Amino acid sequence: MSASGKRIALRIEYDGSAFGGWQKQASPEIPTVQGCLETAIGQVADAPVKLVCAGRTDAGVHATAQIAHFECPLDRGERAWTMGVNSLLPPAVRVREAFLPSADFNSRFSALSRRYVYVLYGGAIDSALLTGHAVREPGKLDPEAMREGARHLLGELDFSSFRAAGCQSKSPFREVRFVDVYAQREFVVIDICANAFLQHMVRNIAGSLLEVGRGERKRGWIREILQARDRKAAGVTAPPEGLYLVAVSYPQDCGIPSRAIAPPILDRLPDAG
C-alpha cells in the first residue's frame, strides 16, 4: 500500500473512434478515454482519482489491453472496479479486469514492452462493420515485401524519421523487439512490439510499409528512411483507426497476471467475406 492509499491496476478495452485520444485535454468539450474513466472511477471511489496508463493512445486509436493504475483510499473490490465502474461508462469503454499490483508498480514506468497491431482490410467491398476499426486498402498488398522491409526496424535504433514533429521524447532511440506482417483472411496485419514508442511511430511505420506493400517502394527503402533521421524521408502517417494497443508486459513481481494480456485483435474481427 502506498502512502496515499491502495494502488489499483486495471486492464481496459476501448473503441477510440469517438474520443480525442487517451489523455485528458485542456478543453472539457473534447471527450477522452482518461476523462470518462476518471469520472466513473471517482464516483465509485467517492474520491477524485488520476489514472496513469501504459501508453497514451491518439485520437481514433483503440485498445484491447491498456493497463492503467490509480490511488484510492481503500480497495472496494474487483466487482466495484469492473461492474460498478462499467455501469457508469459509455459502451465504448470497458474495464475488463482489476487487480492489486505491487506497492511500487507504475503502469507506465514499470512496463517492459508495448505491443500494437495495425489492421488493414482489403475486401473487394467495403465492410459495414469495420468502418473506424480497420483501414480500407482496396489494392493488393505484398505482405512478404512488407515483412522484409520491416526487418530493418529490429533492434535499438534512432527512429527520428518515424516520430511526429511534436514528439516531446528526449531521445529518438527505441528498441523494436518483434515485428511481423502477415495476411489473415481479407486482412493484412502489422504486428510490432518495442520497449516503448515515439509519438505516431507505429502509424508512420505503417504508412511507409504500405508504400512497400503497394510496390511503390523497394524493401530496402525502410533502411534508407532510418538512416536519413528525417521525418520527411518517410511515408505519410497512416490513419489512426487501424491501430490497436494489444499487450503491455511487466516484470513478474509487479503482480500483473498473465491473463491481463488480451488475445490478438483479429480473433475478434468478423469474417467480412
C-alpha atoms as a PDB file:
ATOM      1  CA  MET A   1       0.000   0.000   0.000  1.00  0.00           C
ATOM      2  CA  SER A   2       1.318   3.445  -0.936  1.00  0.00           C
ATOM      3  CA  ALA A   3       1.305   6.397   1.426  1.00  0.00           C
ATOM      4  CA  SER A   4      -1.832   7.788  -0.186  1.00  0.00           C
ATOM      5  CA  GLY A   5      -3.853   4.569  -0.091  1.00  0.00           C
ATOM      6  CA  LYS A   6      -4.401   1.462  -2.176  1.00  0.00           C
ATOM      7  CA  ARG A   7      -2.927   1.214  -5.637  1.00  0.00           C
ATOM      8  CA  ILE A   8      -5.390  -0.346  -8.087  1.00  0.00           C
ATOM      9  CA  ALA A   9      -4.475  -1.526 -11.581  1.00  0.00           C
ATOM     10  CA  LEU A  10      -6.957  -2.033 -14.418  1.00  0.00           C
ATOM     11  CA  ARG A  11      -6.995  -3.686 -17.820  1.00  0.00           C
ATOM     12  CA  ILE A  12      -9.084  -1.504 -20.079  1.00  0.00           C
ATOM     13  CA  GLU A  13     -10.597  -2.059 -23.511  1.00  0.00           C
ATOM     14  CA  TYR A  14     -11.904   0.776 -25.634  1.00  0.00           C
ATOM     15  CA  ASP A  15     -13.073   1.814 -29.071  1.00  0.00           C
ATOM     16  CA  GLY A  16     -11.212   5.054 -29.709  1.00  0.00           C
ATOM     17  CA  SER A  17     -13.452   6.221 -32.562  1.00  0.00           C
ATOM     18  CA  ALA A  18     -15.433   8.759 -30.535  1.00  0.00           C
ATOM     19  CA  PHE A  19     -12.559  10.032 -28.373  1.00  0.00           C
ATOM     20  CA  GLY A  20      -9.870  12.656 -28.727  1.00  0.00           C
ATOM     21  CA  GLY A  21      -7.324  10.112 -27.532  1.00  0.00           C
ATOM     22  CA  TRP A  22      -6.485   8.716 -24.104  1.00  0.00           C
ATOM     23  CA  GLN A  23      -5.137  11.852 -22.442  1.00  0.00           C
ATOM     24  CA  LYS A  24      -7.394  14.487 -20.921  1.00  0.00           C
ATOM     25  CA  GLN A  25      -7.440  17.744 -22.866  1.00  0.00           C
ATOM     26  CA  ALA A  26      -7.481  21.346 -21.700  1.00  0.00           C
ATOM     27  CA  SER A  27     -10.940  21.707 -23.216  1.00  0.00           C
ATOM     28  CA  PRO A  28     -13.599  19.679 -21.354  1.00  0.00           C
ATOM     29  CA  GLU A  29     -15.616  19.581 -24.590  1.00  0.00           C
ATOM     30  CA  ILE A  30     -13.174  17.060 -26.079  1.00  0.00           C
ATOM     31  CA  PRO A  31     -14.137  13.561 -24.840  1.00  0.00           C
ATOM     32  CA  THR A  32     -11.167  11.419 -23.804  1.00  0.00           C
ATOM     33  CA  VAL A  33     -10.821   7.873 -22.510  1.00  0.00           C
ATOM     34  CA  GLN A  34      -8.946   9.048 -19.422  1.00  0.00           C
ATOM     35  CA  GLY A  35     -11.568  11.687 -18.681  1.00  0.00           C
ATOM     36  CA  CYS A  36     -14.586   9.392 -18.773  1.00  0.00           C
ATOM     37  CA  LEU A  37     -12.770   6.705 -16.769  1.00  0.00           C
ATOM     38  CA  GLU A  38     -11.641   9.110 -14.055  1.00  0.00           C
ATOM     39  CA  THR A  39     -15.182  10.422 -13.695  1.00  0.00           C
ATOM     40  CA  ALA A  40     -16.663   6.922 -13.376  1.00  0.00           C
ATOM     41  CA  ILE A  41     -13.952   5.583 -11.067  1.00  0.00           C
ATOM     42  CA  GLY A  42     -14.173   8.691  -8.908  1.00  0.00           C
ATOM     43  CA  GLN A  43     -17.878   8.083  -8.343  1.00  0.00           C
ATOM     44  CA  VAL A  44     -17.244   4.514  -7.220  1.00  0.00           C
ATOM     45  CA  ALA A  45     -14.231   5.511  -5.102  1.00  0.00           C
ATOM     46  CA  ASP A  46     -16.105   8.515  -3.692  1.00  0.00           C
ATOM     47  CA  ALA A  47     -12.880  10.470  -4.194  1.00  0.00           C
ATOM     48  CA  PRO A  48     -11.074  12.105  -7.123  1.00  0.00           C
ATOM     49  CA  VAL A  49      -8.643   9.803  -8.941  1.00  0.00           C
ATOM     50  CA  LYS A  50      -5.929  10.274 -11.525  1.00  0.00           C
ATOM     51  CA  LEU A  51      -5.179   7.466 -13.938  1.00  0.00           C
ATOM     52  CA  VAL A  52      -1.675   6.724 -15.213  1.00  0.00           C
ATOM     53  CA  CYS A  53      -1.609   4.493 -18.308  1.00  0.00           C
ATOM     54  CA  ALA A  54       0.957   2.361 -20.099  1.00  0.00           C
ATOM     55  CA  GLY A  55       0.524   4.072 -23.475  1.00  0.00           C
ATOM     56  CA  ARG A  56      -1.240   7.348 -24.291  1.00  0.00           C
ATOM     57  CA  THR A  57      -3.051   6.416 -27.492  1.00  0.00           C
ATOM     58  CA  ASP A  58      -4.017   9.030 -30.097  1.00  0.00           C
ATOM     59  CA  ALA A  59      -7.492  10.078 -31.183  1.00  0.00           C
ATOM     60  CA  GLY A  60      -9.217   7.212 -33.001  1.00  0.00           C
ATOM     61  CA  VAL A  61      -6.798   4.540 -31.749  1.00  0.00           C
ATOM     62  CA  HIS A  62      -8.217   1.502 -29.938  1.00  0.00           C
ATOM     63  CA  ALA A  63      -7.037  -0.794 -27.145  1.00  0.00           C
ATOM     64  CA  THR A  64      -7.777  -4.329 -26.023  1.00  0.00           C
ATOM     65  CA  ALA A  65      -5.250  -4.335 -23.180  1.00  0.00           C
ATOM     66  CA  GLN A  66      -4.485  -0.842 -21.947  1.00  0.00           C
ATOM     67  CA  ILE A  67      -3.090  -1.018 -18.423  1.00  0.00           C
ATOM     68  CA  ALA A  68      -3.638   1.880 -16.023  1.00  0.00           C
ATOM     69  CA  HIS A  69      -3.380   2.452 -12.281  1.00  0.00           C
ATOM     70  CA  PHE A  70      -4.703   4.901  -9.705  1.00  0.00           C
ATOM     71  CA  GLU A  71      -4.553   5.568  -5.977  1.00  0.00           C
ATOM     72  CA  CYS A  72      -7.609   5.115  -3.790  1.00  0.00           C
ATOM     73  CA  PRO A  73      -8.138   5.486  -0.024  1.00  0.00           C
ATOM     74  CA  LEU A  74      -9.418   1.908   0.073  1.00  0.00           C
ATOM     75  CA  ASP A  75      -9.957  -1.075  -2.190  1.00  0.00           C
ATOM     76  CA  ARG A  76     -13.661  -1.530  -2.895  1.00  0.00           C
ATOM     77  CA  GLY A  77     -13.100  -4.901  -4.548  1.00  0.00           C
ATOM     78  CA  GLU A  78     -12.835  -6.172  -8.102  1.00  0.00           C
ATOM     79  CA  ARG A  79     -16.593  -6.188  -8.710  1.00  0.00           C
ATOM     80  CA  ALA A  80     -16.833  -2.486  -7.848  1.00  0.00           C
ATOM     81  CA  TRP A  81     -13.887  -1.586 -10.099  1.00  0.00           C
ATOM     82  CA  THR A  82     -15.282  -3.619 -13.011  1.00  0.00           C
ATOM     83  CA  MET A  83     -19.067  -3.962 -12.872  1.00  0.00           C
ATOM     84  CA  GLY A  84     -19.609  -0.805 -10.851  1.00  0.00           C
ATOM     85  CA  VAL A  85     -17.359   1.389 -12.970  1.00  0.00           C
ATOM     86  CA  ASN A  86     -18.647  -0.106 -16.227  1.00  0.00           C
ATOM     87  CA  SER A  87     -22.211   0.793 -15.286  1.00  0.00           C
ATOM     88  CA  LEU A  88     -21.116   4.446 -15.373  1.00  0.00           C
ATOM     89  CA  LEU A  89     -19.102   4.285 -18.592  1.00  0.00           C
ATOM     90  CA  PRO A  90     -20.191   4.704 -22.225  1.00  0.00           C
ATOM     91  CA  PRO A  91     -20.428   1.422 -24.163  1.00  0.00           C
ATOM     92  CA  ALA A  92     -17.175   2.179 -25.995  1.00  0.00           C
ATOM     93  CA  VAL A  93     -15.080   1.799 -22.821  1.00  0.00           C
ATOM     94  CA  ARG A  94     -14.878  -1.223 -20.537  1.00  0.00           C
ATOM     95  CA  VAL A  95     -12.792  -2.201 -17.537  1.00  0.00           C
ATOM     96  CA  ARG A  96     -12.074  -5.866 -18.173  1.00  0.00           C
ATOM     97  CA  GLU A  97     -10.083  -6.658 -15.011  1.00  0.00           C
ATOM     98  CA  ALA A  98      -8.966  -5.050 -11.768  1.00  0.00           C
ATOM     99  CA  PHE A  99      -6.135  -6.241  -9.544  1.00  0.00           C
ATOM    100  CA  LEU A 100      -3.839  -5.187  -6.715  1.00  0.00           C
ATOM    101  CA  PRO A 101      -0.289  -4.797  -8.062  1.00  0.00           C
ATOM    102  CA  SER A 102       2.892  -4.448  -6.039  1.00  0.00           C
ATOM    103  CA  ALA A 103       3.241  -1.246  -3.996  1.00  0.00           C
ATOM    104  CA  ASP A 104       5.846   0.232  -6.335  1.00  0.00           C
ATOM    105  CA  PHE A 105       4.010  -0.688  -9.556  1.00  0.00           C
ATOM    106  CA  ASN A 106       3.652   2.033 -12.167  1.00  0.00           C
ATOM    107  CA  SER A 107       1.697   1.194 -15.305  1.00  0.00           C
ATOM    108  CA  ARG A 108       3.934   3.439 -17.430  1.00  0.00           C
ATOM    109  CA  PHE A 109       7.404   3.181 -15.920  1.00  0.00           C
ATOM    110  CA  SER A 110       7.232  -0.485 -14.877  1.00  0.00           C
ATOM    111  CA  ALA A 111       6.326  -1.635 -18.395  1.00  0.00           C
ATOM    112  CA  LEU A 112       8.907  -3.735 -20.218  1.00  0.00           C
ATOM    113  CA  SER A 113       7.245  -3.504 -23.622  1.00  0.00           C
ATOM    114  CA  ARG A 114       4.147  -2.448 -25.533  1.00  0.00           C
ATOM    115  CA  ARG A 115       2.663  -4.336 -28.463  1.00  0.00           C
ATOM    116  CA  TYR A 116       0.482  -2.854 -31.197  1.00  0.00           C
ATOM    117  CA  VAL A 117      -1.220  -4.266 -34.258  1.00  0.00           C
ATOM    118  CA  TYR A 118      -2.229  -2.246 -37.293  1.00  0.00           C
ATOM    119  CA  VAL A 119      -5.124  -3.725 -39.254  1.00  0.00           C
ATOM    120  CA  LEU A 120      -5.670  -3.251 -42.987  1.00  0.00           C
ATOM    121  CA  TYR A 121      -8.813  -4.507 -44.708  1.00  0.00           C
ATOM    122  CA  GLY A 122      -8.570  -5.459 -48.380  1.00  0.00           C
ATOM    123  CA  GLY A 123     -12.017  -6.835 -49.183  1.00  0.00           C
ATOM    124  CA  ALA A 124     -13.477  -6.117 -52.594  1.00  0.00           C
ATOM    125  CA  ILE A 125     -16.486  -4.405 -50.971  1.00  0.00           C
ATOM    126  CA  ASP A 126     -16.495  -2.016 -48.031  1.00  0.00           C
ATOM    127  CA  SER A 127     -17.490  -3.648 -44.749  1.00  0.00           C
ATOM    128  CA  ALA A 128     -20.403  -2.201 -42.792  1.00  0.00           C
ATOM    129  CA  LEU A 129     -18.833  -3.440 -39.551  1.00  0.00           C
ATOM    130  CA  LEU A 130     -15.218  -2.361 -39.962  1.00  0.00           C
ATOM    131  CA  THR A 131     -15.600   1.369 -40.558  1.00  0.00           C
ATOM    132  CA  GLY A 132     -13.496   3.077 -37.917  1.00  0.00           C
ATOM    133  CA  HIS A 133     -11.887  -0.225 -36.896  1.00  0.00           C
ATOM    134  CA  ALA A 134      -9.644  -1.107 -39.830  1.00  0.00           C
ATOM    135  CA  VAL A 135      -8.079   0.872 -42.646  1.00  0.00           C
ATOM    136  CA  ARG A 136      -9.511   0.158 -46.086  1.00  0.00           C
ATOM    137  CA  GLU A 137      -6.788  -0.789 -48.562  1.00  0.00           C
ATOM    138  CA  PRO A 138      -8.533  -1.943 -51.774  1.00  0.00           C
ATOM    139  CA  GLY A 139      -5.322  -2.568 -53.741  1.00  0.00           C
ATOM    140  CA  LYS A 140      -3.493  -5.866 -53.434  1.00  0.00           C
ATOM    141  CA  LEU A 141      -0.646  -5.693 -50.928  1.00  0.00           C
ATOM    142  CA  ASP A 142       2.503  -7.817 -50.792  1.00  0.00           C
ATOM    143  CA  PRO A 143       2.837  -8.878 -47.120  1.00  0.00           C
ATOM    144  CA  GLU A 144       6.157 -10.638 -47.796  1.00  0.00           C
ATOM    145  CA  ALA A 145       7.717  -7.436 -49.138  1.00  0.00           C
ATOM    146  CA  MET A 146       6.342  -5.517 -46.168  1.00  0.00           C
ATOM    147  CA  ARG A 147       7.734  -8.147 -43.777  1.00  0.00           C
ATOM    148  CA  GLU A 148      11.173  -7.982 -45.370  1.00  0.00           C
ATOM    149  CA  GLY A 149      11.141  -4.199 -45.177  1.00  0.00           C
ATOM    150  CA  ALA A 150      10.011  -4.267 -41.556  1.00  0.00           C
ATOM    151  CA  ARG A 151      13.026  -6.372 -40.518  1.00  0.00           C
ATOM    152  CA  HIS A 152      15.194  -3.267 -40.885  1.00  0.00           C
ATOM    153  CA  LEU A 153      13.323  -1.874 -37.856  1.00  0.00           C
ATOM    154  CA  LEU A 154      14.561  -4.536 -35.430  1.00  0.00           C
ATOM    155  CA  GLY A 155      16.912  -3.577 -32.633  1.00  0.00           C
ATOM    156  CA  GLU A 156      17.698  -0.403 -30.703  1.00  0.00           C
ATOM    157  CA  LEU A 157      17.732   2.303 -33.355  1.00  0.00           C
ATOM    158  CA  ASP A 158      17.274   6.011 -33.939  1.00  0.00           C
ATOM    159  CA  PHE A 159      13.643   6.383 -35.065  1.00  0.00           C
ATOM    160  CA  SER A 160      13.794  10.127 -35.788  1.00  0.00           C
ATOM    161  CA  SER A 161      12.360   9.516 -39.264  1.00  0.00           C
ATOM    162  CA  PHE A 162       9.259   7.912 -37.745  1.00  0.00           C
ATOM    163  CA  ARG A 163       8.480  10.361 -34.928  1.00  0.00           C
ATOM    164  CA  ALA A 164       5.875  13.117 -35.046  1.00  0.00           C
ATOM    165  CA  ALA A 165       7.088  16.687 -35.365  1.00  0.00           C
ATOM    166  CA  GLY A 166       5.573  17.491 -31.971  1.00  0.00           C
ATOM    167  CA  CYS A 167       7.010  14.453 -30.175  1.00  0.00           C
ATOM    168  CA  GLN A 168       8.346  15.512 -26.762  1.00  0.00           C
ATOM    169  CA  SER A 169      10.503  12.464 -26.040  1.00  0.00           C
ATOM    170  CA  LYS A 170      14.066  13.385 -25.078  1.00  0.00           C
ATOM    171  CA  SER A 171      15.544  10.517 -27.099  1.00  0.00           C
ATOM    172  CA  PRO A 172      14.645   9.204 -30.583  1.00  0.00           C
ATOM    173  CA  PHE A 173      16.055   5.768 -29.716  1.00  0.00           C
ATOM    174  CA  ARG A 174      13.678   2.850 -29.207  1.00  0.00           C
ATOM    175  CA  GLU A 175      14.196  -0.915 -29.223  1.00  0.00           C
ATOM    176  CA  VAL A 176      11.898  -2.839 -31.551  1.00  0.00           C
ATOM    177  CA  ARG A 177      11.927  -6.414 -30.270  1.00  0.00           C
ATOM    178  CA  PHE A 178       9.497  -8.045 -32.660  1.00  0.00           C
ATOM    179  CA  VAL A 179       7.843  -7.087 -35.931  1.00  0.00           C
ATOM    180  CA  ASP A 180       5.836  -9.126 -38.420  1.00  0.00           C
ATOM    181  CA  VAL A 181       3.480  -8.527 -41.320  1.00  0.00           C
ATOM    182  CA  TYR A 182       1.048 -11.237 -42.297  1.00  0.00           C
ATOM    183  CA  ALA A 183      -2.206 -11.849 -44.162  1.00  0.00           C
ATOM    184  CA  GLN A 184      -5.254 -13.349 -42.484  1.00  0.00           C
ATOM    185  CA  ARG A 185      -8.453 -13.755 -44.461  1.00  0.00           C
ATOM    186  CA  GLU A 186      -9.067 -10.341 -46.079  1.00  0.00           C
ATOM    187  CA  PHE A 187      -6.785  -8.560 -43.626  1.00  0.00           C
ATOM    188  CA  VAL A 188      -3.118  -7.635 -43.619  1.00  0.00           C
ATOM    189  CA  VAL A 189      -1.739  -7.068 -40.135  1.00  0.00           C
ATOM    190  CA  ILE A 190       1.379  -5.235 -38.980  1.00  0.00           C
ATOM    191  CA  ASP A 191       2.340  -6.627 -35.560  1.00  0.00           C
ATOM    192  CA  ILE A 192       5.052  -4.745 -33.664  1.00  0.00           C
ATOM    193  CA  CYS A 193       6.463  -4.836 -30.136  1.00  0.00           C
ATOM    194  CA  ALA A 194       9.002  -2.428 -28.614  1.00  0.00           C
ATOM    195  CA  ASN A 195      10.162  -1.251 -25.227  1.00  0.00           C
ATOM    196  CA  ALA A 196       8.288   1.996 -25.964  1.00  0.00           C
ATOM    197  CA  PHE A 197       7.143   4.061 -28.935  1.00  0.00           C
ATOM    198  CA  LEU A 198       7.580   7.647 -30.051  1.00  0.00           C
ATOM    199  CA  GLN A 199       4.538   9.752 -30.896  1.00  0.00           C
ATOM    200  CA  HIS A 200       2.928   8.472 -34.141  1.00  0.00           C
ATOM    201  CA  MET A 201       5.804   5.996 -34.545  1.00  0.00           C
ATOM    202  CA  VAL A 202       3.649   2.964 -35.386  1.00  0.00           C
ATOM    203  CA  ARG A 203       1.393   4.902 -37.742  1.00  0.00           C
ATOM    204  CA  ASN A 204       4.388   6.417 -39.534  1.00  0.00           C
ATOM    205  CA  ILE A 205       5.946   2.975 -39.884  1.00  0.00           C
ATOM    206  CA  ALA A 206       2.636   1.613 -41.198  1.00  0.00           C
ATOM    207  CA  GLY A 207       2.402   4.401 -43.773  1.00  0.00           C
ATOM    208  CA  SER A 208       5.871   3.605 -45.094  1.00  0.00           C
ATOM    209  CA  LEU A 209       5.299  -0.156 -45.138  1.00  0.00           C
ATOM    210  CA  LEU A 210       2.111   0.440 -47.109  1.00  0.00           C
ATOM    211  CA  GLU A 211       4.155   2.056 -49.883  1.00  0.00           C
ATOM    212  CA  VAL A 212       6.381  -1.024 -49.927  1.00  0.00           C
ATOM    213  CA  GLY A 213       3.342  -3.326 -49.947  1.00  0.00           C
ATOM    214  CA  ARG A 214       1.823  -1.493 -52.907  1.00  0.00           C
ATOM    215  CA  GLY A 215       5.056  -1.856 -54.860  1.00  0.00           C
ATOM    216  CA  GLU A 216       5.718   1.882 -54.860  1.00  0.00           C
ATOM    217  CA  ARG A 217       8.978   1.444 -52.932  1.00  0.00           C
ATOM    218  CA  LYS A 218      11.594  -1.281 -52.613  1.00  0.00           C
ATOM    219  CA  ARG A 219      12.044  -3.271 -49.416  1.00  0.00           C
ATOM    220  CA  GLY A 220      15.373  -1.613 -48.626  1.00  0.00           C
ATOM    221  CA  TRP A 221      13.679   1.797 -48.522  1.00  0.00           C
ATOM    222  CA  ILE A 222      12.852   1.293 -44.830  1.00  0.00           C
ATOM    223  CA  ARG A 223      16.586   1.101 -44.065  1.00  0.00           C
ATOM    224  CA  GLU A 224      17.163   4.293 -46.046  1.00  0.00           C
ATOM    225  CA  ILE A 225      14.442   6.064 -44.071  1.00  0.00           C
ATOM    226  CA  LEU A 226      16.076   5.130 -40.783  1.00  0.00           C
ATOM    227  CA  GLN A 227      19.491   6.284 -41.969  1.00  0.00           C
ATOM    228  CA  ALA A 228      18.093   9.659 -43.046  1.00  0.00           C
ATOM    229  CA  ARG A 229      16.928  10.524 -39.498  1.00  0.00           C
ATOM    230  CA  ASP A 230      14.443  12.903 -41.098  1.00  0.00           C
ATOM    231  CA  ARG A 231      10.652  12.647 -40.887  1.00  0.00           C
ATOM    232  CA  LYS A 232      10.371  13.967 -44.452  1.00  0.00           C
ATOM    233  CA  ALA A 233      12.165  10.850 -45.710  1.00  0.00           C
ATOM    234  CA  ALA A 234       9.329   8.521 -44.622  1.00  0.00           C
ATOM    235  CA  GLY A 235       5.844   7.895 -45.929  1.00  0.00           C
ATOM    236  CA  VAL A 236       2.648   9.609 -44.818  1.00  0.00           C
ATOM    237  CA  THR A 237       1.171   8.927 -41.383  1.00  0.00           C
ATOM    238  CA  ALA A 238      -1.340   6.070 -41.660  1.00  0.00           C
ATOM    239  CA  PRO A 239      -4.878   6.723 -40.321  1.00  0.00           C
ATOM    240  CA  PRO A 240      -5.489   6.022 -36.614  1.00  0.00           C
ATOM    241  CA  GLU A 241      -8.467   3.692 -36.912  1.00  0.00           C
ATOM    242  CA  GLY A 242      -6.364   0.652 -37.834  1.00  0.00           C
ATOM    243  CA  LEU A 243      -4.223   0.800 -34.697  1.00  0.00           C
ATOM    244  CA  TYR A 244      -4.757  -1.257 -31.521  1.00  0.00           C
ATOM    245  CA  LEU A 245      -2.758  -1.470 -28.299  1.00  0.00           C
ATOM    246  CA  VAL A 246      -2.996  -5.205 -27.605  1.00  0.00           C
ATOM    247  CA  ALA A 247      -0.468  -6.005 -24.878  1.00  0.00           C
ATOM    248  CA  VAL A 248       1.770  -4.490 -22.233  1.00  0.00           C
ATOM    249  CA  SER A 249       4.326  -6.668 -20.439  1.00  0.00           C
ATOM    250  CA  TYR A 250       5.654  -6.229 -16.900  1.00  0.00           C
ATOM    251  CA  PRO A 251       8.147  -7.980 -14.594  1.00  0.00           C
ATOM    252  CA  GLN A 252       6.597 -10.943 -12.783  1.00  0.00           C
ATOM    253  CA  ASP A 253       6.974  -9.329  -9.374  1.00  0.00           C
ATOM    254  CA  CYS A 254       4.702  -6.418 -10.377  1.00  0.00           C
ATOM    255  CA  GLY A 255       1.638  -8.515  -9.668  1.00  0.00           C
ATOM    256  CA  ILE A 256       0.081  -8.168 -13.127  1.00  0.00           C
ATOM    257  CA  PRO A 257      -1.267 -11.628 -14.074  1.00  0.00           C
ATOM    258  CA  SER A 258      -0.560 -13.074 -17.493  1.00  0.00           C
ATOM    259  CA  ARG A 259      -4.290 -13.263 -18.158  1.00  0.00           C
ATOM    260  CA  ALA A 260      -4.262  -9.450 -18.313  1.00  0.00           C
ATOM    261  CA  ILE A 261      -2.902  -9.773 -21.857  1.00  0.00           C
ATOM    262  CA  ALA A 262      -5.817  -9.751 -24.285  1.00  0.00           C
ATOM    263  CA  PRO A 263      -5.964 -12.175 -27.254  1.00  0.00           C
ATOM    264  CA  PRO A 264      -4.931 -10.947 -30.721  1.00  0.00           C
ATOM    265  CA  ILE A 265      -7.428  -8.449 -32.111  1.00  0.00           C
ATOM    266  CA  LEU A 266      -8.078 -10.483 -35.248  1.00  0.00           C
ATOM    267  CA  ASP A 267      -9.671 -13.179 -33.117  1.00  0.00           C
ATOM    268  CA  ARG A 268     -12.428 -10.618 -32.530  1.00  0.00           C
ATOM    269  CA  LEU A 269     -12.873  -9.268 -36.042  1.00  0.00           C
ATOM    270  CA  PRO A 270     -15.773 -10.588 -38.132  1.00  0.00           C
ATOM    271  CA  ASP A 271     -15.197 -12.571 -41.281  1.00  0.00           C
ATOM    272  CA  ALA A 272     -16.141  -9.898 -43.774  1.00  0.00           C
ATOM    273  CA  GLY A 273     -16.134 -12.432 -46.583  1.00  0.00           C
END
